[in-house]
N, C-alpha and C. Protein backbone atom coordinates (compact mmCIF):
# COMPACT_ATOMS: atom_id res chain seq x y z
N MET A 1 57.26 97.06 86.60
CA MET A 1 57.21 97.65 85.28
C MET A 1 56.71 96.63 84.26
N SER A 2 57.14 95.37 84.38
CA SER A 2 56.68 94.36 83.44
C SER A 2 55.19 94.13 83.55
N LYS A 3 54.63 94.30 84.76
CA LYS A 3 53.19 94.13 84.92
C LYS A 3 52.44 95.24 84.20
N LYS A 4 52.96 96.47 84.27
CA LYS A 4 52.31 97.61 83.59
C LYS A 4 52.31 97.41 82.08
N LEU A 5 53.37 96.82 81.55
CA LEU A 5 53.48 96.62 80.11
C LEU A 5 52.79 95.35 79.66
N GLY A 6 52.37 94.53 80.61
CA GLY A 6 51.73 93.27 80.26
C GLY A 6 52.72 92.24 79.78
N VAL A 7 53.97 92.36 80.18
CA VAL A 7 55.02 91.44 79.77
C VAL A 7 55.47 90.67 81.00
N SER A 8 55.67 89.39 80.82
CA SER A 8 56.13 88.57 81.92
C SER A 8 57.59 88.23 81.70
N ILE A 9 58.43 88.65 82.64
CA ILE A 9 59.87 88.37 82.56
C ILE A 9 60.22 87.54 83.78
N SER A 10 60.76 86.35 83.55
CA SER A 10 61.11 85.49 84.67
C SER A 10 62.45 85.91 85.26
N THR A 11 62.64 85.55 86.52
CA THR A 11 63.90 85.84 87.20
C THR A 11 65.04 85.10 86.52
N GLU A 12 64.78 83.89 86.02
CA GLU A 12 65.81 83.11 85.33
C GLU A 12 66.30 83.82 84.08
N THR A 13 65.39 84.42 83.32
CA THR A 13 65.77 85.12 82.10
C THR A 13 66.69 86.29 82.42
N VAL A 14 66.37 87.04 83.47
CA VAL A 14 67.19 88.18 83.87
C VAL A 14 68.57 87.69 84.32
N GLN A 15 68.60 86.61 85.11
CA GLN A 15 69.87 86.09 85.59
C GLN A 15 70.72 85.57 84.44
N GLU A 16 70.09 84.89 83.48
CA GLU A 16 70.84 84.40 82.32
C GLU A 16 71.42 85.55 81.52
N SER A 17 70.66 86.63 81.36
CA SER A 17 71.15 87.80 80.63
C SER A 17 72.32 88.44 81.34
N GLU A 18 72.22 88.55 82.66
CA GLU A 18 73.30 89.14 83.44
C GLU A 18 74.56 88.29 83.35
N GLN A 19 74.41 86.96 83.43
CA GLN A 19 75.56 86.07 83.32
C GLN A 19 76.20 86.17 81.94
N SER A 20 75.38 86.27 80.90
CA SER A 20 75.88 86.38 79.54
C SER A 20 76.72 87.65 79.38
N VAL A 21 76.23 88.76 79.94
CA VAL A 21 76.96 90.02 79.87
C VAL A 21 78.27 89.91 80.62
N GLU A 22 78.27 89.27 81.80
CA GLU A 22 79.50 89.11 82.58
C GLU A 22 80.52 88.28 81.81
N VAL A 23 80.09 87.21 81.17
CA VAL A 23 81.00 86.36 80.39
C VAL A 23 81.59 87.16 79.24
N GLU A 24 80.77 87.92 78.51
CA GLU A 24 81.25 88.73 77.39
C GLU A 24 82.26 89.77 77.86
N GLN A 25 81.97 90.43 78.98
CA GLN A 25 82.89 91.44 79.50
C GLN A 25 84.21 90.81 79.91
N HIS A 26 84.15 89.60 80.51
CA HIS A 26 85.37 88.92 80.92
C HIS A 26 86.21 88.55 79.70
N GLN A 27 85.56 88.06 78.64
CA GLN A 27 86.29 87.68 77.43
C GLN A 27 86.92 88.91 76.79
N GLU A 28 86.20 90.02 76.74
CA GLU A 28 86.75 91.25 76.15
C GLU A 28 87.94 91.74 76.94
N SER A 29 87.85 91.74 78.26
CA SER A 29 88.95 92.25 79.06
C SER A 29 90.17 91.34 78.93
N ARG A 30 89.93 90.03 78.79
CA ARG A 30 91.05 89.11 78.62
C ARG A 30 91.73 89.36 77.29
N LEU A 31 90.96 89.61 76.23
CA LEU A 31 91.54 89.88 74.92
C LEU A 31 92.27 91.21 74.91
N SER A 32 91.67 92.22 75.54
CA SER A 32 92.31 93.53 75.52
C SER A 32 93.58 93.55 76.36
N GLY A 33 93.71 92.62 77.31
CA GLY A 33 94.89 92.55 78.14
C GLY A 33 96.05 91.83 77.48
N LYS A 34 95.79 91.09 76.39
CA LYS A 34 96.85 90.36 75.71
C LYS A 34 97.68 91.32 74.89
N LYS A 35 98.97 91.26 75.10
CA LYS A 35 99.87 92.12 74.33
C LYS A 35 100.10 91.50 72.96
N VAL A 36 99.97 92.31 71.96
CA VAL A 36 100.21 91.88 70.59
C VAL A 36 101.41 92.67 70.08
N LYS A 37 102.39 91.96 69.55
CA LYS A 37 103.55 92.68 69.02
C LYS A 37 103.91 92.14 67.65
N LEU A 38 104.49 93.00 66.88
CA LEU A 38 104.91 92.63 65.53
C LEU A 38 106.13 91.71 65.65
N PRO A 39 106.04 90.51 65.07
CA PRO A 39 107.16 89.57 65.20
C PRO A 39 108.36 90.01 64.37
N ALA A 40 109.53 89.61 64.82
CA ALA A 40 110.75 89.85 64.06
C ALA A 40 110.75 88.93 62.85
N PHE A 41 111.38 89.39 61.78
CA PHE A 41 111.50 88.57 60.57
C PHE A 41 112.97 88.38 60.25
N GLU A 42 113.39 87.11 60.22
CA GLU A 42 114.79 86.78 59.96
C GLU A 42 114.98 86.08 58.63
N GLY A 43 113.93 86.04 57.81
CA GLY A 43 114.05 85.45 56.49
C GLY A 43 113.40 84.09 56.35
N GLU A 44 113.00 83.48 57.44
CA GLU A 44 112.38 82.16 57.40
C GLU A 44 110.87 82.27 57.36
N ASP A 45 110.22 81.47 56.55
CA ASP A 45 108.77 81.35 56.47
C ASP A 45 108.06 82.71 56.32
N PRO A 46 108.25 83.36 55.18
CA PRO A 46 107.65 84.68 54.98
C PRO A 46 106.11 84.67 55.04
N VAL A 47 105.47 83.59 54.63
CA VAL A 47 104.01 83.55 54.65
C VAL A 47 103.50 83.61 56.09
N ALA A 48 104.14 82.87 56.99
CA ALA A 48 103.75 82.90 58.40
C ALA A 48 103.97 84.29 58.99
N TRP A 49 105.10 84.91 58.65
CA TRP A 49 105.37 86.25 59.17
C TRP A 49 104.34 87.25 58.64
N ILE A 50 104.01 87.18 57.38
CA ILE A 50 103.02 88.08 56.78
C ILE A 50 101.68 87.90 57.49
N THR A 51 101.29 86.67 57.74
CA THR A 51 100.02 86.40 58.42
C THR A 51 100.00 87.04 59.81
N ARG A 52 101.05 86.82 60.56
CA ARG A 52 101.11 87.41 61.91
C ARG A 52 101.20 88.92 61.85
N ALA A 53 101.92 89.46 60.89
CA ALA A 53 102.02 90.91 60.75
C ALA A 53 100.66 91.51 60.42
N GLU A 54 99.90 90.85 59.56
CA GLU A 54 98.58 91.36 59.21
C GLU A 54 97.62 91.31 60.39
N ILE A 55 97.73 90.28 61.22
CA ILE A 55 96.93 90.24 62.44
C ILE A 55 97.30 91.41 63.34
N TYR A 56 98.59 91.65 63.49
CA TYR A 56 99.06 92.78 64.29
C TYR A 56 98.52 94.09 63.74
N PHE A 57 98.63 94.29 62.44
CA PHE A 57 98.16 95.53 61.83
C PHE A 57 96.65 95.71 62.02
N ASP A 58 95.91 94.63 61.91
CA ASP A 58 94.46 94.70 62.11
C ASP A 58 94.12 95.07 63.55
N VAL A 59 94.76 94.41 64.49
CA VAL A 59 94.49 94.68 65.91
C VAL A 59 94.85 96.12 66.26
N GLN A 60 95.98 96.57 65.74
CA GLN A 60 96.44 97.93 66.04
C GLN A 60 95.82 99.00 65.14
N GLN A 61 95.05 98.56 64.16
CA GLN A 61 94.43 99.46 63.18
C GLN A 61 95.50 100.36 62.54
N THR A 62 96.53 99.70 62.06
CA THR A 62 97.68 100.39 61.48
C THR A 62 97.37 100.87 60.07
N PRO A 63 97.54 102.17 59.81
CA PRO A 63 97.32 102.67 58.44
C PRO A 63 98.36 102.09 57.48
N ASP A 64 97.97 101.97 56.22
CA ASP A 64 98.86 101.39 55.21
C ASP A 64 100.22 102.08 55.15
N ALA A 65 100.23 103.39 55.26
CA ALA A 65 101.48 104.13 55.16
C ALA A 65 102.47 103.76 56.26
N MET A 66 101.97 103.34 57.41
CA MET A 66 102.82 103.01 58.54
C MET A 66 103.30 101.55 58.51
N ARG A 67 102.64 100.70 57.75
CA ARG A 67 102.97 99.27 57.73
C ARG A 67 104.39 99.01 57.24
N ILE A 68 104.82 99.74 56.23
CA ILE A 68 106.18 99.55 55.69
C ILE A 68 107.21 99.96 56.74
N LYS A 69 106.99 101.06 57.41
CA LYS A 69 107.93 101.51 58.44
C LYS A 69 108.03 100.50 59.57
N LEU A 70 106.91 99.96 60.00
CA LEU A 70 106.93 98.97 61.07
C LEU A 70 107.55 97.66 60.60
N ALA A 71 107.29 97.29 59.36
CA ALA A 71 107.90 96.08 58.80
C ALA A 71 109.42 96.23 58.78
N ARG A 72 109.90 97.40 58.42
CA ARG A 72 111.34 97.64 58.37
C ARG A 72 111.96 97.48 59.76
N LEU A 73 111.25 97.93 60.78
CA LEU A 73 111.75 97.78 62.14
C LEU A 73 111.81 96.33 62.59
N SER A 74 110.99 95.49 61.99
CA SER A 74 110.95 94.09 62.42
C SER A 74 111.99 93.22 61.71
N MET A 75 112.67 93.77 60.71
CA MET A 75 113.67 92.99 59.97
C MET A 75 114.91 92.76 60.84
N GLU A 76 115.37 91.51 60.83
CA GLU A 76 116.54 91.12 61.62
C GLU A 76 117.60 90.51 60.72
N GLY A 77 118.82 90.63 61.12
CA GLY A 77 119.93 90.01 60.39
C GLY A 77 120.05 90.50 58.97
N SER A 78 120.28 89.57 58.05
CA SER A 78 120.51 89.94 56.65
C SER A 78 119.23 90.46 55.97
N THR A 79 118.06 90.22 56.56
CA THR A 79 116.84 90.69 55.90
C THR A 79 116.76 92.22 55.86
N ILE A 80 117.42 92.89 56.79
CA ILE A 80 117.41 94.36 56.77
C ILE A 80 118.15 94.87 55.53
N HIS A 81 119.20 94.18 55.12
CA HIS A 81 119.93 94.58 53.91
C HIS A 81 119.07 94.36 52.67
N TRP A 82 118.39 93.23 52.63
CA TRP A 82 117.47 92.94 51.53
C TRP A 82 116.37 94.00 51.47
N PHE A 83 115.83 94.36 52.63
CA PHE A 83 114.75 95.34 52.69
C PHE A 83 115.23 96.71 52.22
N ASN A 84 116.41 97.11 52.65
CA ASN A 84 116.97 98.41 52.22
C ASN A 84 117.17 98.45 50.71
N LEU A 85 117.63 97.35 50.13
CA LEU A 85 117.80 97.27 48.68
C LEU A 85 116.44 97.37 47.98
N LEU A 86 115.45 96.71 48.54
CA LEU A 86 114.09 96.79 47.99
C LEU A 86 113.57 98.23 48.01
N LEU A 87 113.83 98.93 49.11
CA LEU A 87 113.40 100.33 49.20
C LEU A 87 114.07 101.20 48.14
N GLU A 88 115.33 100.91 47.85
CA GLU A 88 116.06 101.69 46.86
C GLU A 88 115.58 101.41 45.44
N THR A 89 115.18 100.19 45.17
CA THR A 89 114.82 99.81 43.81
C THR A 89 113.33 99.91 43.50
N GLU A 90 112.51 99.92 44.51
CA GLU A 90 111.05 99.93 44.32
C GLU A 90 110.50 101.32 44.62
N ASP A 91 109.88 101.92 43.61
CA ASP A 91 109.24 103.21 43.82
C ASP A 91 107.94 103.02 44.59
N ASP A 92 107.73 103.83 45.60
CA ASP A 92 106.49 103.82 46.36
C ASP A 92 106.14 102.41 46.85
N LEU A 93 107.00 101.86 47.69
CA LEU A 93 106.80 100.51 48.22
C LEU A 93 105.55 100.47 49.10
N SER A 94 104.63 99.59 48.76
CA SER A 94 103.39 99.43 49.53
C SER A 94 103.45 98.09 50.27
N TRP A 95 102.52 97.89 51.16
CA TRP A 95 102.44 96.64 51.89
C TRP A 95 102.20 95.47 50.93
N GLU A 96 101.32 95.69 49.95
CA GLU A 96 101.03 94.63 48.98
C GLU A 96 102.29 94.26 48.17
N LYS A 97 103.05 95.27 47.75
CA LYS A 97 104.30 95.01 47.01
C LYS A 97 105.32 94.29 47.89
N LEU A 98 105.38 94.69 49.16
CA LEU A 98 106.32 94.04 50.06
C LEU A 98 105.96 92.57 50.26
N LYS A 99 104.68 92.29 50.43
CA LYS A 99 104.25 90.89 50.59
C LYS A 99 104.65 90.05 49.38
N LYS A 100 104.43 90.58 48.18
CA LYS A 100 104.78 89.84 46.96
C LYS A 100 106.30 89.62 46.88
N ALA A 101 107.08 90.63 47.26
CA ALA A 101 108.54 90.50 47.22
C ALA A 101 109.02 89.49 48.25
N LEU A 102 108.42 89.47 49.41
CA LEU A 102 108.80 88.51 50.45
C LEU A 102 108.53 87.07 50.01
N ILE A 103 107.39 86.86 49.38
CA ILE A 103 107.02 85.52 48.94
C ILE A 103 107.88 85.06 47.76
N ALA A 104 108.23 86.02 46.89
CA ALA A 104 109.07 85.69 45.74
C ALA A 104 110.48 85.37 46.20
């Protein structure tokens, strides 16, 4: 076919392309096989927890409305009481509002 088109394709180029595709497929399958879970939050280092939570939400393509519910599930110990109080006092708690409250 390359002769009909007047294009010269070397065997090395084809092999390099095939190897590149195999490497990409291997990397994708390795990433897709890694389990990602929302970390528990016990009140320590809120910035680190927010960062990991946002990575989780991005990977899982979590809608904004679901982020608060999942965050509530990840609260451990006394943070669940703090979170419940925040829900009672804050109208329409959003992920952005929760992040600001955690950092404050």
